[in-house]
Amino acid sequence: MDSPRKKPDLKTKLLDRLHEPIPLRLALGLALLGSWYYLGYSPMNARIVATEARLELDRKRLALGTEVEALRREEAGFVDRLPPRSDPNEFLQYVLGGVRSAALKLVSLSPEKPKDAGPFEVASVKLELQGDFRDIQAFLRWVETDHRLLRVDGLTVGPDAKDPETMMAQLVVLGLMGVEAPTRAVPPRKPPRGAAKAEPPKKPAAKASPSRKSAPDPKPARP
């Protein structure tokens, strides 16, 4: 009797199909494509992504450096218009000097707290002035053309209620002030390790007072 034939399993069927030319080409093509993707394209793509990230970072650094240089050039155009040392009291005295130079009468004065403006501070003072229209105009021209960075804000001009020929002006003068960097106390330097400690100076020994010689006993008088 003939023995029954065993049915070929899946592995045997696949090997039999690979002996055919077309399936063999497809299998080789897929194997080569997978090898190229995992061994060539994937590492290269990772390097490309890393290079693009570095280029983007360099572009941002270049843009930041360009912006910093532009800000430095802009600062160089007005940094000489800032006093070397300024504070609210100094700014107030400077504005009052301009008021006196215009021959105006100061009716009221109200300084305000300086406000931060980046690395600088903006000082402001509210003034109420009385005088001739030409004098008020001269003071406004001084504020606008002064070497120092000043600006007029909130200007109101009108005749005085008591004297129509006299003008009253209410305005706010703003000025830019430089901020000084706080000085830090220098800590005392520590002696290096292994250095011998300085001994405290010794007190000088007290000098012994010279001993007084005892006076000789007086001799008894002879009879």
C-alpha atoms as a PDB file:
ATOM      1  CA  MET A   1       0.000   0.000   0.000  1.00  0.00           C
ATOM      2  CA  ASP A   2       1.196   3.513  -0.803  1.00  0.00           C
ATOM      3  CA  SER A   3       1.886   5.716   2.237  1.00  0.00           C
ATOM      4  CA  PRO A   4      -0.226   8.944   2.331  1.00  0.00           C
ATOM      5  CA  ARG A   5       1.646  12.067   1.233  1.00  0.00           C
ATOM      6  CA  LYS A   6       2.163  14.823   3.755  1.00  0.00           C
ATOM      7  CA  LYS A   7       0.771  18.252   2.909  1.00  0.00           C
ATOM      8  CA  PRO A   8       3.544  20.839   2.551  1.00  0.00           C
ATOM      9  CA  ASP A   9       3.600  23.474   5.284  1.00  0.00           C
ATOM     10  CA  LEU A  10       3.724  27.242   4.754  1.00  0.00           C
ATOM     11  CA  LYS A  11       7.520  27.458   4.931  1.00  0.00           C
ATOM     12  CA  THR A  12       7.909  24.826   2.255  1.00  0.00           C
ATOM     13  CA  LYS A  13       5.422  26.607   0.033  1.00  0.00           C
ATOM     14  CA  LEU A  14       7.283  29.916   0.386  1.00  0.00           C
ATOM     15  CA  LEU A  15      10.607  28.296  -0.458  1.00  0.00           C
ATOM     16  CA  ASP A  16       9.058  26.664  -3.483  1.00  0.00           C
ATOM     17  CA  ARG A  17       7.701  30.033  -4.630  1.00  0.00           C
ATOM     18  CA  LEU A  18      11.086  31.659  -4.211  1.00  0.00           C
ATOM     19  CA  HIS A  19      12.519  29.317  -6.791  1.00  0.00           C
ATOM     20  CA  GLU A  20      10.368  31.084  -9.330  1.00  0.00           C
ATOM     21  CA  PRO A  21      12.027  34.151 -10.943  1.00  0.00           C
ATOM     22  CA  ILE A  22       9.331  36.793 -10.334  1.00  0.00           C
ATOM     23  CA  PRO A  23       8.725  36.112  -6.605  1.00  0.00           C
ATOM     24  CA  LEU A  24      12.494  35.875  -6.091  1.00  0.00           C
ATOM     25  CA  ARG A  25      13.000  39.313  -7.643  1.00  0.00           C
ATOM     26  CA  LEU A  26      10.261  40.798  -5.506  1.00  0.00           C
ATOM     27  CA  ALA A  27      11.744  39.294  -2.331  1.00  0.00           C
ATOM     28  CA  LEU A  28      15.234  40.519  -3.202  1.00  0.00           C
ATOM     29  CA  GLY A  29      13.888  43.973  -4.049  1.00  0.00           C
ATOM     30  CA  LEU A  30      12.049  44.247  -0.728  1.00  0.00           C
ATOM     31  CA  ALA A  31      15.112  43.034   1.179  1.00  0.00           C
ATOM     32  CA  LEU A  32      17.355  45.573  -0.542  1.00  0.00           C
ATOM     33  CA  LEU A  33      14.830  48.349   0.025  1.00  0.00           C
ATOM     34  CA  GLY A  34      14.542  47.521   3.729  1.00  0.00           C
ATOM     35  CA  SER A  35      18.326  47.333   4.121  1.00  0.00           C
ATOM     36  CA  TRP A  36      18.778  50.694   2.399  1.00  0.00           C
ATOM     37  CA  TYR A  37      16.104  52.314   4.595  1.00  0.00           C
ATOM     38  CA  TYR A  38      17.428  51.054   7.952  1.00  0.00           C
ATOM     39  CA  LEU A  39      21.155  51.149   7.139  1.00  0.00           C
ATOM     40  CA  GLY A  40      21.373  54.206   4.890  1.00  0.00           C
ATOM     41  CA  TYR A  41      18.349  56.477   4.847  1.00  0.00           C
ATOM     42  CA  SER A  42      17.438  56.378   8.557  1.00  0.00           C
ATOM     43  CA  PRO A  43      20.898  57.408   9.903  1.00  0.00           C
ATOM     44  CA  MET A  44      21.268  59.964   7.122  1.00  0.00           C
ATOM     45  CA  ASN A  45      17.846  61.418   7.893  1.00  0.00           C
ATOM     46  CA  ALA A  46      18.771  61.727  11.570  1.00  0.00           C
ATOM     47  CA  ARG A  47      21.959  63.596  10.639  1.00  0.00           C
ATOM     48  CA  ILE A  48      19.985  65.858   8.287  1.00  0.00           C
ATOM     49  CA  VAL A  49      17.482  66.717  11.037  1.00  0.00           C
ATOM     50  CA  ALA A  50      20.300  67.458  13.508  1.00  0.00           C
ATOM     51  CA  THR A  51      22.084  69.644  10.934  1.00  0.00           C
ATOM     52  CA  GLU A  52      18.896  71.573  10.198  1.00  0.00           C
ATOM     53  CA  ALA A  53      18.378  72.146  13.933  1.00  0.00           C
ATOM     54  CA  ARG A  54      21.937  73.494  14.272  1.00  0.00           C
ATOM     55  CA  LEU A  55      21.433  75.736  11.246  1.00  0.00           C
ATOM     56  CA  GLU A  56      18.211  77.109  12.702  1.00  0.00           C
ATOM     57  CA  LEU A  57      19.974  77.797  15.999  1.00  0.00           C
ATOM     58  CA  ASP A  58      22.812  79.553  14.179  1.00  0.00           C
ATOM     59  CA  ARG A  59      20.287  81.659  12.256  1.00  0.00           C
ATOM     60  CA  LYS A  60      18.638  82.723  15.499  1.00  0.00           C
ATOM     61  CA  ARG A  61      22.026  83.575  17.023  1.00  0.00           C
ATOM     62  CA  LEU A  62      22.956  85.595  13.944  1.00  0.00           C
ATOM     63  CA  ALA A  63      19.642  87.471  14.056  1.00  0.00           C
ATOM     64  CA  LEU A  64      20.113  88.133  17.768  1.00  0.00           C
ATOM     65  CA  GLY A  65      23.669  89.374  17.237  1.00  0.00           C
ATOM     66  CA  THR A  66      22.489  91.657  14.424  1.00  0.00           C
ATOM     67  CA  GLU A  67      19.731  93.055  16.636  1.00  0.00           C
ATOM     68  CA  VAL A  68      22.181  93.625  19.506  1.00  0.00           C
ATOM     69  CA  GLU A  69      24.576  95.485  17.217  1.00  0.00           C
ATOM     70  CA  ALA A  70      21.718  97.632  15.903  1.00  0.00           C
ATOM     71  CA  LEU A  71      20.662  98.452  19.470  1.00  0.00           C
ATOM     72  CA  ARG A  72      24.236  99.337  20.382  1.00  0.00           C
ATOM     73  CA  ARG A  73      24.493 101.690  17.410  1.00  0.00           C
ATOM     74  CA  GLU A  74      21.160 103.235  18.386  1.00  0.00           C
ATOM     75  CA  GLU A  75      22.321 103.640  21.982  1.00  0.00           C
ATOM     76  CA  ALA A  76      25.576 105.236  20.863  1.00  0.00           C
ATOM     77  CA  GLY A  77      23.511 107.966  19.198  1.00  0.00           C
ATOM     78  CA  PHE A  78      21.991 109.220  22.454  1.00  0.00           C
ATOM     79  CA  VAL A  79      24.156 107.835  25.272  1.00  0.00           C
ATOM     80  CA  ASP A  80      26.169 111.081  25.306  1.00  0.00           C
ATOM     81  CA  ARG A  81      22.907 112.935  25.968  1.00  0.00           C
ATOM     82  CA  LEU A  82      22.577 111.257  29.361  1.00  0.00           C
ATOM     83  CA  PRO A  83      24.330 112.806  32.343  1.00  0.00           C
ATOM     84  CA  PRO A  84      27.115 110.718  33.875  1.00  0.00           C
ATOM     85  CA  ARG A  85      25.222 110.624  37.160  1.00  0.00           C
ATOM     86  CA  SER A  86      21.541 111.459  37.482  1.00  0.00           C
ATOM     87  CA  ASP A  87      18.855 111.060  40.105  1.00  0.00           C
ATOM     88  CA  PRO A  88      15.377 112.551  40.648  1.00  0.00           C
ATOM     89  CA  ASN A  89      16.751 115.467  42.680  1.00  0.00           C
ATOM     90  CA  GLU A  90      19.353 116.304  40.038  1.00  0.00           C
ATOM     91  CA  PHE A  91      16.705 116.102  37.290  1.00  0.00           C
ATOM     92  CA  LEU A  92      14.410 118.408  39.247  1.00  0.00           C
ATOM     93  CA  GLN A  93      17.178 120.980  39.730  1.00  0.00           C
ATOM     94  CA  TYR A  94      17.977 120.802  36.017  1.00  0.00           C
ATOM     95  CA  VAL A  95      14.362 121.536  35.018  1.00  0.00           C
ATOM     96  CA  LEU A  96      14.144 124.385  37.541  1.00  0.00           C
ATOM     97  CA  GLY A  97      17.253 125.862  35.963  1.00  0.00           C
ATOM     98  CA  GLY A  98      15.445 125.916  32.622  1.00  0.00           C
ATOM     99  CA  VAL A  99      12.439 127.598  34.263  1.00  0.00           C
ATOM    100  CA  ARG A 100      14.668 130.303  35.747  1.00  0.00           C
ATOM    101  CA  SER A 101      16.436 130.830  32.424  1.00  0.00           C
ATOM    102  CA  ALA A 102      13.055 131.535  30.746  1.00  0.00           C
ATOM    103  CA  ALA A 103      12.121 134.143  33.404  1.00  0.00           C
ATOM    104  CA  LEU A 104       8.943 132.278  34.376  1.00  0.00           C
ATOM    105  CA  LYS A 105       7.216 132.204  37.742  1.00  0.00           C
ATOM    106  CA  LEU A 106       6.841 128.765  39.268  1.00  0.00           C
ATOM    107  CA  VAL A 107       3.346 128.419  40.709  1.00  0.00           C
ATOM    108  CA  SER A 108       3.384 124.737  41.690  1.00  0.00           C
ATOM    109  CA  LEU A 109       5.742 121.797  41.422  1.00  0.00           C
ATOM    110  CA  SER A 110       4.857 118.090  41.728  1.00  0.00           C
ATOM    111  CA  PRO A 111       7.605 115.511  41.027  1.00  0.00           C
ATOM    112  CA  GLU A 112       6.572 111.901  40.402  1.00  0.00           C
ATOM    113  CA  LYS A 113       8.293 108.606  41.089  1.00  0.00           C
ATOM    114  CA  PRO A 114      10.658 107.504  38.282  1.00  0.00           C
ATOM    115  CA  LYS A 115       9.488 104.658  36.059  1.00  0.00           C
ATOM    116  CA  ASP A 116      11.618 101.893  34.605  1.00  0.00           C
ATOM    117  CA  ALA A 117      12.348 102.007  30.879  1.00  0.00           C
ATOM    118  CA  GLY A 118      14.637  99.066  30.185  1.00  0.00           C
ATOM    119  CA  PRO A 119      18.148  99.851  31.425  1.00  0.00           C
ATOM    120  CA  PHE A 120      17.144 103.475  32.113  1.00  0.00           C
ATOM    121  CA  GLU A 121      14.604 105.373  34.211  1.00  0.00           C
ATOM    122  CA  VAL A 122      12.122 108.059  33.182  1.00  0.00           C
ATOM    123  CA  ALA A 123      11.724 110.939  35.611  1.00  0.00           C
ATOM    124  CA  SER A 124       8.695 113.229  35.397  1.00  0.00           C
ATOM    125  CA  VAL A 125       7.715 116.470  37.058  1.00  0.00           C
ATOM    126  CA  LYS A 126       4.417 118.365  36.777  1.00  0.00           C
ATOM    127  CA  LEU A 127       4.807 122.142  36.537  1.00  0.00           C
ATOM    128  CA  GLU A 128       2.473 125.087  36.650  1.00  0.00           C
ATOM    129  CA  LEU A 129       4.117 128.195  35.261  1.00  0.00           C
ATOM    130  CA  GLN A 130       3.074 131.814  34.986  1.00  0.00           C
ATOM    131  CA  GLY A 131       4.514 134.383  32.609  1.00  0.00           C
ATOM    132  CA  ASP A 132       4.438 135.943  29.217  1.00  0.00           C
ATOM    133  CA  PHE A 133       3.534 133.874  26.153  1.00  0.00           C
ATOM    134  CA  ARG A 134       7.000 134.440  24.685  1.00  0.00           C
ATOM    135  CA  ASP A 135       8.648 133.221  27.867  1.00  0.00           C
ATOM    136  CA  ILE A 136       6.510 130.068  27.872  1.00  0.00           C
ATOM    137  CA  GLN A 137       7.388 129.503  24.228  1.00  0.00           C
ATOM    138  CA  ALA A 138      11.087 129.957  25.023  1.00  0.00           C
ATOM    139  CA  PHE A 139      10.858 127.368  27.800  1.00  0.00           C
ATOM    140  CA  LEU A 140       9.140 124.860  25.486  1.00  0.00           C
ATOM    141  CA  ARG A 141      11.809 125.443  22.844  1.00  0.00           C
ATOM    142  CA  TRP A 142      14.501 124.854  25.483  1.00  0.00           C
ATOM    143  CA  VAL A 143      12.916 121.520  26.434  1.00  0.00           C
ATOM    144  CA  GLU A 144      12.702 120.381  22.798  1.00  0.00           C
ATOM    145  CA  THR A 145      16.184 121.508  21.734  1.00  0.00           C
ATOM    146  CA  ASP A 146      18.140 120.794  24.895  1.00  0.00           C
ATOM    147  CA  HIS A 147      21.092 118.448  24.659  1.00  0.00           C
ATOM    148  CA  ARG A 148      19.563 116.287  27.342  1.00  0.00           C
ATOM    149  CA  LEU A 149      16.717 113.900  26.473  1.00  0.00           C
ATOM    150  CA  LEU A 150      13.618 115.827  27.598  1.00  0.00           C
ATOM    151  CA  ARG A 151      10.005 115.782  26.434  1.00  0.00           C
ATOM    152  CA  VAL A 152       6.845 117.768  27.136  1.00  0.00           C
ATOM    153  CA  ASP A 153       3.698 115.812  27.922  1.00  0.00           C
ATOM    154  CA  GLY A 154       0.184 117.082  28.691  1.00  0.00           C
ATOM    155  CA  LEU A 155       0.512 120.793  27.839  1.00  0.00           C
ATOM    156  CA  THR A 156      -2.289 123.231  28.708  1.00  0.00           C
ATOM    157  CA  VAL A 157      -1.906 126.994  28.092  1.00  0.00           C
ATOM    158  CA  GLY A 158      -4.473 129.689  28.900  1.00  0.00           C
ATOM    159  CA  PRO A 159      -4.796 133.236  30.225  1.00  0.00           C
ATOM    160  CA  ASP A 160      -4.708 133.891  33.938  1.00  0.00           C
ATOM    161  CA  ALA A 161      -8.105 134.529  35.529  1.00  0.00           C
ATOM    162  CA  LYS A 162      -6.765 137.465  37.542  1.00  0.00           C
ATOM    163  CA  ASP A 163      -4.590 139.005  34.796  1.00  0.00           C
ATOM    164  CA  PRO A 164      -5.661 138.245  31.209  1.00  0.00           C
ATOM    165  CA  GLU A 165      -2.351 139.525  29.863  1.00  0.00           C
ATOM    166  CA  THR A 166      -0.468 136.875  31.834  1.00  0.00           C
ATOM    167  CA  MET A 167      -0.481 133.260  30.618  1.00  0.00           C
ATOM    168  CA  MET A 168      -0.713 130.120  32.727  1.00  0.00           C
ATOM    169  CA  ALA A 169       0.858 126.872  31.530  1.00  0.00           C
ATOM    170  CA  GLN A 170       0.412 123.413  33.003  1.00  0.00           C
ATOM    171  CA  LEU A 171       2.691 120.730  31.647  1.00  0.00           C
ATOM    172  CA  VAL A 172       4.595 117.573  32.498  1.00  0.00           C
ATOM    173  CA  VAL A 173       8.298 117.347  31.661  1.00  0.00           C
ATOM    174  CA  LEU A 174       9.775 113.886  31.145  1.00  0.00           C
ATOM    175  CA  GLY A 175      13.482 113.082  31.149  1.00  0.00           C
ATOM    176  CA  LEU A 176      15.597 109.982  30.675  1.00  0.00           C
ATOM    177  CA  MET A 177      18.047 109.107  33.422  1.00  0.00           C
ATOM    178  CA  GLY A 178      20.869 106.595  33.490  1.00  0.00           C
ATOM    179  CA  VAL A 179      20.940 103.929  36.167  1.00  0.00           C
ATOM    180  CA  GLU A 180      24.227 103.290  37.951  1.00  0.00           C
ATOM    181  CA  ALA A 181      25.222  99.691  38.623  1.00  0.00           C
ATOM    182  CA  PRO A 182      25.263  98.969  42.355  1.00  0.00           C
ATOM    183  CA  THR A 183      28.713  98.615  43.781  1.00  0.00           C
ATOM    184  CA  ARG A 184      29.411  95.346  45.484  1.00  0.00           C
ATOM    185  CA  ALA A 185      31.526  95.071  48.581  1.00  0.00           C
ATOM    186  CA  VAL A 186      34.695  93.127  47.942  1.00  0.00           C
ATOM    187  CA  PRO A 187      34.893  90.205  50.377  1.00  0.00           C
ATOM    188  CA  PRO A 188      38.167  89.803  52.283  1.00  0.00           C
ATOM    189  CA  ARG A 189      40.620  87.421  50.688  1.00  0.00           C
ATOM    190  CA  LYS A 190      41.123  84.146  52.486  1.00  0.00           C
ATOM    191  CA  PRO A 191      44.706  83.075  53.200  1.00  0.00           C
ATOM    192  CA  PRO A 192      45.922  80.104  51.155  1.00  0.00           C
ATOM    193  CA  ARG A 193      45.854  76.708  52.690  1.00  0.00           C
ATOM    194  CA  GLY A 194      48.955  75.726  54.592  1.00  0.00           C
ATOM    195  CA  ALA A 195      49.917  79.307  55.287  1.00  0.00           C
ATOM    196  CA  ALA A 196      51.145  79.932  58.790  1.00  0.00           C
ATOM    197  CA  LYS A 197      48.800  82.005  60.856  1.00  0.00           C
ATOM    198  CA  ALA A 198      50.154  85.331  61.990  1.00  0.00           C
ATOM    199  CA  GLU A 199      50.800  85.318  65.679  1.00  0.00           C
ATOM    200  CA  PRO A 200      49.373  88.219  67.652  1.00  0.00           C
ATOM    201  CA  PRO A 201      52.009  90.712  68.746  1.00  0.00           C
ATOM    202  CA  LYS A 202      53.335  90.012  72.194  1.00  0.00           C
ATOM    203  CA  LYS A 203      52.908  92.581  74.864  1.00  0.00           C
ATOM    204  CA  PRO A 204      56.176  94.110  76.050  1.00  0.00           C
ATOM    205  CA  ALA A 205      57.207  92.869  79.447  1.00  0.00           C
ATOM    206  CA  ALA A 206      56.872  95.389  82.212  1.00  0.00           C
ATOM    207  CA  LYS A 207      60.204  96.807  83.291  1.00  0.00           C
ATOM    208  CA  ALA A 208      61.171  96.095  86.855  1.00  0.00           C
ATOM    209  CA  SER A 209      61.309  99.269  88.883  1.00  0.00           C
ATOM    210  CA  PRO A 210      64.729  99.862  90.409  1.00  0.00           C
ATOM    211  CA  SER A 211      64.844  98.822  94.058  1.00  0.00           C
ATOM    212  CA  ARG A 212      65.297 101.625  96.429  1.00  0.00           C
ATOM    213  CA  LYS A 213      68.238 101.300  98.745  1.00  0.00           C
ATOM    214  CA  SER A 214      67.272 101.432 102.334  1.00  0.00           C
ATOM    215  CA  ALA A 215      68.583 104.490 104.075  1.00  0.00           C
ATOM    216  CA  PRO A 216      71.216 103.751 106.769  1.00  0.00           C
ATOM    217  CA  ASP A 217      70.082 104.020 110.308  1.00  0.00           C
ATOM    218  CA  PRO A 218      71.175 107.256 111.846  1.00  0.00           C
ATOM    219  CA  LYS A 219      74.059 106.852 114.238  1.00  0.00           C
ATOM    220  CA  PRO A 220      73.233 107.583 117.846  1.00  0.00           C
ATOM    221  CA  ALA A 221      74.523 110.900 119.020  1.00  0.00           C
ATOM    222  CA  ARG A 222      77.517 110.753 121.350  1.00  0.00           C
ATOM    223  CA  PRO A 223      76.969 112.143 124.849  1.00  0.00           C
END
